[in-house]
Protein backbone atom coordinates (compact mmCIF):
# COMPACT_ATOMS: atom_id res chain seq x y z
CA MET A 1 52.75 37.14 -23.81
CA ASP A 2 55.66 37.51 -26.25
CA SER A 3 57.86 34.49 -25.53
CA VAL A 4 57.56 30.94 -24.22
CA SER A 5 59.91 27.96 -23.81
CA VAL A 6 58.91 24.32 -23.88
CA THR A 7 61.10 21.46 -22.63
CA VAL A 8 60.23 18.12 -24.20
CA PRO A 9 61.60 14.66 -23.30
CA CYS A 10 63.04 12.36 -25.90
CA SER A 11 61.53 8.92 -26.34
CA THR A 12 62.29 5.43 -27.50
CA SER A 13 59.65 3.63 -29.53
CA ASN A 14 58.68 0.09 -30.51
CA LEU A 15 60.49 -1.55 -27.54
CA GLY A 16 60.88 -4.71 -29.57
CA SER A 17 57.67 -5.91 -31.19
CA GLY A 18 55.45 -2.94 -30.28
CA PHE A 19 55.89 -1.42 -33.73
CA ASP A 20 54.33 2.07 -34.12
CA THR A 21 52.56 1.46 -30.79
CA LEU A 22 54.80 1.48 -27.70
CA GLY A 23 56.79 4.46 -26.46
CA LEU A 24 58.85 5.41 -23.41
CA ALA A 25 59.88 8.95 -22.48
CA LEU A 26 63.49 9.37 -21.32
CA ASN A 27 65.44 12.17 -19.68
CA LEU A 28 67.19 13.75 -22.64
CA HIS A 29 65.43 16.94 -23.67
CA THR A 30 64.87 19.40 -26.47
CA ARG A 31 64.14 23.01 -25.51
CA VAL A 32 62.06 24.97 -27.99
CA THR A 33 61.74 28.73 -27.45
CA LEU A 34 59.15 30.68 -29.44
CA THR A 35 59.06 34.47 -29.62
CA ARG A 36 56.46 36.59 -31.39
CA ALA A 37 57.87 38.35 -34.46
CA ASN A 38 56.67 40.74 -37.13
CA GLY A 39 54.82 39.40 -40.16
CA SER A 40 53.31 35.94 -40.39
CA GLY A 41 56.31 33.76 -41.18
CA ILE A 42 58.69 31.62 -39.14
CA GLU A 43 62.36 32.34 -38.48
CA LEU A 44 64.55 29.53 -37.19
CA ARG A 45 67.39 30.81 -35.03
CA SER A 46 70.49 28.89 -33.99
CA ALA A 47 70.93 28.35 -30.26
CA GLY A 48 74.69 27.97 -30.35
CA SER A 49 74.81 24.82 -32.50
CA PRO A 50 74.21 24.25 -36.21
CA VAL A 51 70.58 23.98 -37.25
CA PRO A 52 69.90 20.31 -38.19
CA LYS A 53 69.18 19.60 -41.83
CA GLY A 54 65.45 19.68 -42.49
CA ALA A 55 64.66 21.48 -39.22
CA GLU A 56 63.32 24.56 -40.99
CA GLU A 57 60.75 22.56 -42.97
CA LEU A 58 59.85 20.55 -39.87
CA CYS A 59 59.20 23.73 -37.85
CA ALA A 60 57.22 25.36 -40.68
CA LYS A 61 54.91 22.33 -41.06
CA ALA A 62 54.31 22.18 -37.31
CA THR A 63 53.47 25.88 -37.24
CA ASN A 64 51.11 25.68 -40.23
CA THR A 65 49.37 22.61 -38.82
CA PHE A 66 48.78 24.37 -35.51
CA PHE A 67 47.25 27.46 -37.12
CA GLU A 68 45.04 25.36 -39.40
CA ALA A 69 43.80 23.23 -36.51
CA SER A 70 43.17 26.15 -34.17
CA ALA A 71 41.55 28.33 -36.86
CA ILE A 72 43.25 31.53 -35.72
CA PRO A 73 45.10 34.04 -37.89
CA PRO A 74 48.80 33.13 -38.22
CA PHE A 75 51.33 35.39 -36.58
CA GLY A 76 55.08 35.59 -37.01
CA ILE A 77 57.38 33.67 -34.68
CA ALA A 78 61.09 33.15 -34.15
CA VAL A 79 62.01 29.62 -33.09
CA SER A 80 65.15 28.56 -31.24
CA VAL A 81 65.90 24.84 -30.74
CA SER A 82 68.53 23.51 -28.34
CA GLY A 83 69.11 20.47 -26.13
CA ASP A 84 70.82 17.12 -25.93
CA VAL A 85 68.57 14.86 -28.04
CA PRO A 86 70.62 13.54 -30.98
CA VAL A 87 69.22 13.79 -34.50
CA ALA A 88 68.36 10.65 -36.54
CA ARG A 89 69.34 8.25 -33.76
CA GLY A 90 65.92 6.76 -32.99
CA LEU A 91 65.24 8.92 -29.92
CA GLY A 92 62.33 10.97 -31.23
CA PHE A 93 64.09 14.25 -32.02
CA SER A 94 61.47 15.27 -34.58
CA SER A 95 58.67 14.60 -32.07
CA THR A 96 60.35 16.78 -29.45
CA VAL A 97 60.56 19.72 -31.87
CA ARG A 98 57.00 19.29 -33.14
CA ALA A 99 55.61 18.92 -29.64
CA GLY A 100 57.56 21.96 -28.48
CA ILE A 101 56.25 24.12 -31.29
CA VAL A 102 52.57 23.19 -30.99
CA ALA A 103 52.64 23.44 -27.18
CA GLY A 104 54.45 26.77 -27.36
CA LEU A 105 52.03 28.18 -29.92
CA ASN A 106 49.15 26.91 -27.80
CA GLU A 107 50.48 29.05 -24.96
CA LEU A 108 51.28 32.13 -27.07
CA ALA A 109 47.90 32.08 -28.79
CA ALA A 110 45.99 31.20 -25.59
CA THR A 111 44.07 28.52 -27.50
CA LYS A 112 43.92 26.23 -24.45
CA LEU A 113 44.26 22.98 -26.37
CA SER A 114 44.19 19.95 -24.06
CA GLN A 115 47.01 17.42 -23.76
CA ASP A 116 44.98 15.01 -25.88
CA GLU A 117 44.56 17.65 -28.60
CA LEU A 118 48.32 18.28 -28.54
CA VAL A 119 48.90 14.54 -28.95
CA GLN A 120 46.54 14.55 -31.95
CA LEU A 121 48.44 17.40 -33.62
CA VAL A 122 51.88 15.88 -33.04
CA THR A 123 50.62 12.50 -34.25
CA LYS A 124 49.29 14.12 -37.42
CA LEU A 125 52.73 15.61 -38.04
CA GLU A 126 54.60 12.40 -37.18
CA GLY A 127 52.31 10.03 -39.04
CA HIS A 128 52.07 7.68 -36.03
CA PRO A 129 51.67 8.20 -32.27
CA ASP A 130 54.44 6.08 -30.73
CA ASN A 131 56.84 9.02 -30.20
CA ALA A 132 54.17 11.73 -30.11
CA SER A 133 52.45 10.37 -26.99
CA PRO A 134 55.49 10.10 -24.68
CA ALA A 135 56.83 13.45 -25.91
CA VAL A 136 53.65 15.18 -24.73
CA LEU A 137 52.57 12.98 -21.82
CA GLY A 138 55.76 11.32 -20.54
CA GLY A 139 55.86 7.82 -19.07
CA PHE A 140 55.26 4.54 -20.91
CA THR A 141 52.59 4.89 -23.57
CA VAL A 142 50.53 2.48 -25.64
CA SER A 143 49.06 4.31 -28.62
CA GLY A 144 47.18 3.55 -31.79
CA MET A 145 44.86 5.10 -34.35
CA VAL A 146 41.17 4.46 -33.65
CA ASP A 147 38.55 5.97 -35.98
CA GLY A 148 41.14 8.38 -37.32
CA LYS A 149 42.26 9.65 -33.90
CA ALA A 150 45.23 8.75 -31.72
CA ARG A 151 44.21 6.88 -28.59
CA CYS A 152 46.76 6.58 -25.80
CA LEU A 153 46.97 4.72 -22.51
CA ARG A 154 49.78 5.97 -20.29
CA PHE A 155 51.60 4.48 -17.29
CA ASP A 156 54.13 5.91 -14.86
CA VAL A 157 57.49 4.13 -14.85
CA ASP A 158 59.60 3.50 -11.76
CA PRO A 159 62.80 5.59 -11.99
CA GLY A 160 64.72 2.58 -10.70
CA LEU A 161 64.42 1.13 -14.20
CA LYS A 162 67.30 2.48 -16.27
CA ALA A 163 67.52 2.69 -20.05
CA VAL A 164 71.18 2.22 -20.91
CA THR A 165 71.44 3.83 -24.32
CA LEU A 166 74.23 3.34 -26.83
CA ILE A 167 74.29 6.16 -29.38
CA PRO A 168 76.43 5.40 -32.45
CA LYS A 169 77.98 8.17 -34.50
CA PHE A 170 76.15 7.03 -37.64
CA HIS A 171 72.51 7.91 -38.20
CA VAL A 172 69.60 5.96 -39.70
CA ARG A 173 66.91 7.52 -41.88
CA THR A 174 63.46 6.39 -40.75
CA GLU A 175 62.23 6.16 -44.34
CA GLU A 176 65.09 3.84 -45.32
CA ALA A 177 64.56 1.67 -42.24
CA ARG A 178 60.84 1.31 -42.97
CA GLU A 179 61.50 0.19 -46.52
CA LEU A 180 63.37 -2.85 -45.21
CA ILE A 181 60.34 -4.28 -43.39
CA PRO A 182 58.50 -6.97 -45.39
CA LYS A 183 54.97 -6.35 -46.61
CA HIS A 184 53.83 -9.82 -45.51
CA PHE A 185 54.54 -12.04 -42.48
CA THR A 186 53.92 -15.66 -41.62
CA LYS A 187 51.15 -16.52 -39.19
CA ALA A 188 53.82 -17.64 -36.68
CA ASP A 189 55.68 -14.34 -36.83
CA ALA A 190 52.46 -12.32 -36.56
CA ALA A 191 51.35 -14.34 -33.52
CA HIS A 192 54.81 -13.90 -31.97
CA ALA A 193 54.63 -10.12 -32.38
CA LEU A 194 51.16 -9.99 -30.83
CA ASN A 195 52.25 -12.14 -27.92
CA ARG A 196 55.43 -10.17 -27.20
CA SER A 197 53.65 -6.80 -27.44
CA ALA A 198 50.96 -7.93 -25.00
CA LEU A 199 53.53 -9.25 -22.53
CA ILE A 200 55.58 -6.03 -22.68
CA VAL A 201 52.51 -3.87 -22.03
CA ALA A 202 51.40 -6.09 -19.13
CA ALA A 203 54.86 -5.95 -17.53
CA PHE A 204 55.02 -2.15 -17.70
CA ALA A 205 51.43 -1.73 -16.50
CA ALA A 206 52.12 -3.99 -13.49
CA LYS A 207 55.59 -2.46 -12.94
CA ASN A 208 56.89 -6.03 -13.07
CA TYR A 209 60.04 -5.15 -14.98
CA GLU A 210 61.63 -8.56 -14.42
CA GLY A 211 58.71 -9.81 -16.49
CA LEU A 212 60.33 -8.13 -19.49
CA ARG A 213 63.17 -10.63 -19.46
CA GLY A 214 63.32 -12.70 -22.65
CA ILE A 215 60.48 -10.94 -24.49
CA PHE A 216 62.35 -8.41 -26.62
CA ASP A 217 63.14 -11.13 -29.20
CA ASP A 218 61.40 -9.28 -32.01
CA ARG A 219 60.77 -10.82 -35.43
CA PHE A 220 58.78 -7.95 -36.94
CA HIS A 221 61.32 -5.22 -37.72
CA GLN A 222 64.65 -5.69 -35.95
CA PRO A 223 65.99 -8.63 -38.00
CA HIS A 224 65.28 -6.72 -41.20
CA ARG A 225 67.12 -3.61 -39.98
CA LEU A 226 70.36 -5.40 -39.12
CA LYS A 227 71.68 -4.20 -42.45
CA LEU A 228 71.58 -0.65 -41.06
CA VAL A 229 72.71 -1.48 -37.50
CA PRO A 230 74.75 -4.70 -37.82
CA GLN A 231 76.09 -4.39 -34.25
CA LEU A 232 72.59 -4.69 -32.74
CA ASP A 233 72.55 -8.31 -31.57
CA ARG A 234 76.02 -8.37 -30.08
CA VAL A 235 75.51 -5.05 -28.25
CA ILE A 236 72.29 -6.36 -26.68
CA ALA A 237 73.93 -9.70 -25.79
CA ALA A 238 76.79 -7.87 -24.07
CA GLY A 239 74.33 -5.75 -22.07
CA VAL A 240 72.33 -8.78 -20.95
CA SER A 241 75.52 -10.62 -19.95
CA ALA A 242 76.42 -7.61 -17.76
CA GLY A 243 73.06 -7.73 -15.96
CA ALA A 244 70.45 -6.07 -18.20
CA ILE A 245 66.91 -7.43 -18.44
CA GLY A 246 66.92 -7.18 -22.22
CA GLY A 247 67.45 -4.80 -25.11
CA PHE A 248 66.11 -3.53 -28.40
CA LEU A 249 66.70 -1.15 -31.28
CA SER A 250 65.45 2.30 -30.33
CA GLY A 251 62.89 3.32 -32.93
CA SER A 252 64.41 2.72 -36.34
CA GLY A 253 67.92 3.19 -34.92
CA SER A 254 70.74 3.76 -34.74
CA SER A 255 70.58 3.88 -30.92
CA ILE A 256 70.38 0.62 -28.99
CA ILE A 257 68.82 0.39 -25.53
CA CYS A 258 69.13 -2.16 -22.74
CA LEU A 259 66.78 -1.92 -19.76
CA THR A 260 68.20 -2.77 -16.36
CA LEU A 261 67.43 -2.60 -12.66
CA ARG A 262 71.07 -3.02 -11.59
CA ASN A 263 74.67 -2.62 -12.72
CA SER A 264 73.79 0.21 -15.11
CA GLN A 265 77.37 1.42 -15.45
CA GLU A 266 78.63 -2.11 -16.07
CA VAL A 267 75.90 -2.62 -18.68
CA ALA A 268 76.90 0.65 -20.37
CA ALA A 269 80.58 -0.33 -20.45
CA ALA A 270 79.78 -3.77 -21.87
CA MET A 271 77.59 -2.32 -24.61
CA GLN A 272 80.12 0.35 -25.54
CA ALA A 273 82.92 -2.22 -25.72
CA GLN A 274 81.10 -3.74 -28.71
CA LEU A 275 80.99 -0.40 -30.49
CA PRO A 276 83.79 1.79 -29.08
CA ASP A 277 83.12 4.64 -31.50
CA SER A 278 79.83 5.48 -29.78
CA GLU A 279 78.45 7.21 -26.69
CA ALA A 280 76.80 5.37 -23.80
CA LYS A 281 74.27 7.13 -21.56
CA VAL A 282 72.38 5.81 -18.55
CA LEU A 283 68.92 7.36 -18.94
CA THR A 284 65.95 7.43 -16.56
CA PRO A 285 62.27 7.29 -17.54
CA GLU A 286 60.67 10.75 -17.68
CA ASN A 287 57.15 10.74 -16.23
CA ASP A 288 56.40 14.46 -16.46
CA GLY A 289 56.00 14.95 -20.20
CA LEU A 290 56.57 18.34 -21.78
CA ARG A 291 56.89 21.43 -19.58
CA VAL A 292 55.87 24.95 -20.61
CA GLU A 293 57.73 27.92 -19.12
CA VAL A 294 56.49 31.47 -19.64
């Protein structure tokens, strides 16, 4: 086999208080095409749009990590990245590229790594599993590090639940957003985060999406990131007033998501009215995870 393409869903992470733990795959996608090439290096090719800054280093690290983990001799590859997942908007673009590369190399090299092993590799590259798990597995995922390995529980999501996503033109650097989170929390705030995370997981596991109402009132990271996304609270309030169940900052931002079972177009219009210089998309949960095409 000389070429393979991998289509990977984007994801939103945290979902309020589920910091570095909760993830949800959505139906925007990155397509990563890998082709065998001469030598042992990596060549990043443009697929009709400019190559994002830092993409070359990201692809090289993913490639090196795969070869180290699989213990096979490196071979040269050309990589082409395309799709509709925006960069640095809190929708897991880096996870989609990393997942696409390791899954594509797994196919080209016939190493037969399992889905769990792919999750482990992408988690190693990401540093945490909240975007890695839904990128590989799809659905709603609850992930954490246990004894040095990513452990994930995954649930299908009813496609009737819509993720109305407001994508601002400005981006947020994950590193900068993380620096704003305090090193210490009060007992009350810690208990609140634990409670909200547990309720969110239970609602998704039971497919009781109305049970999500009122429990995205995070105290752990969102209030501290308002400096980077000052429109957050009013965008969410507008979405809820238009019929959404609730809303949250997607990952570290800048995208903002409201979940709804009805009036998705009205929710999108209400959210966008608060930030006219942005794009609103009505997204559907993606249960299939990444797809390999040979």
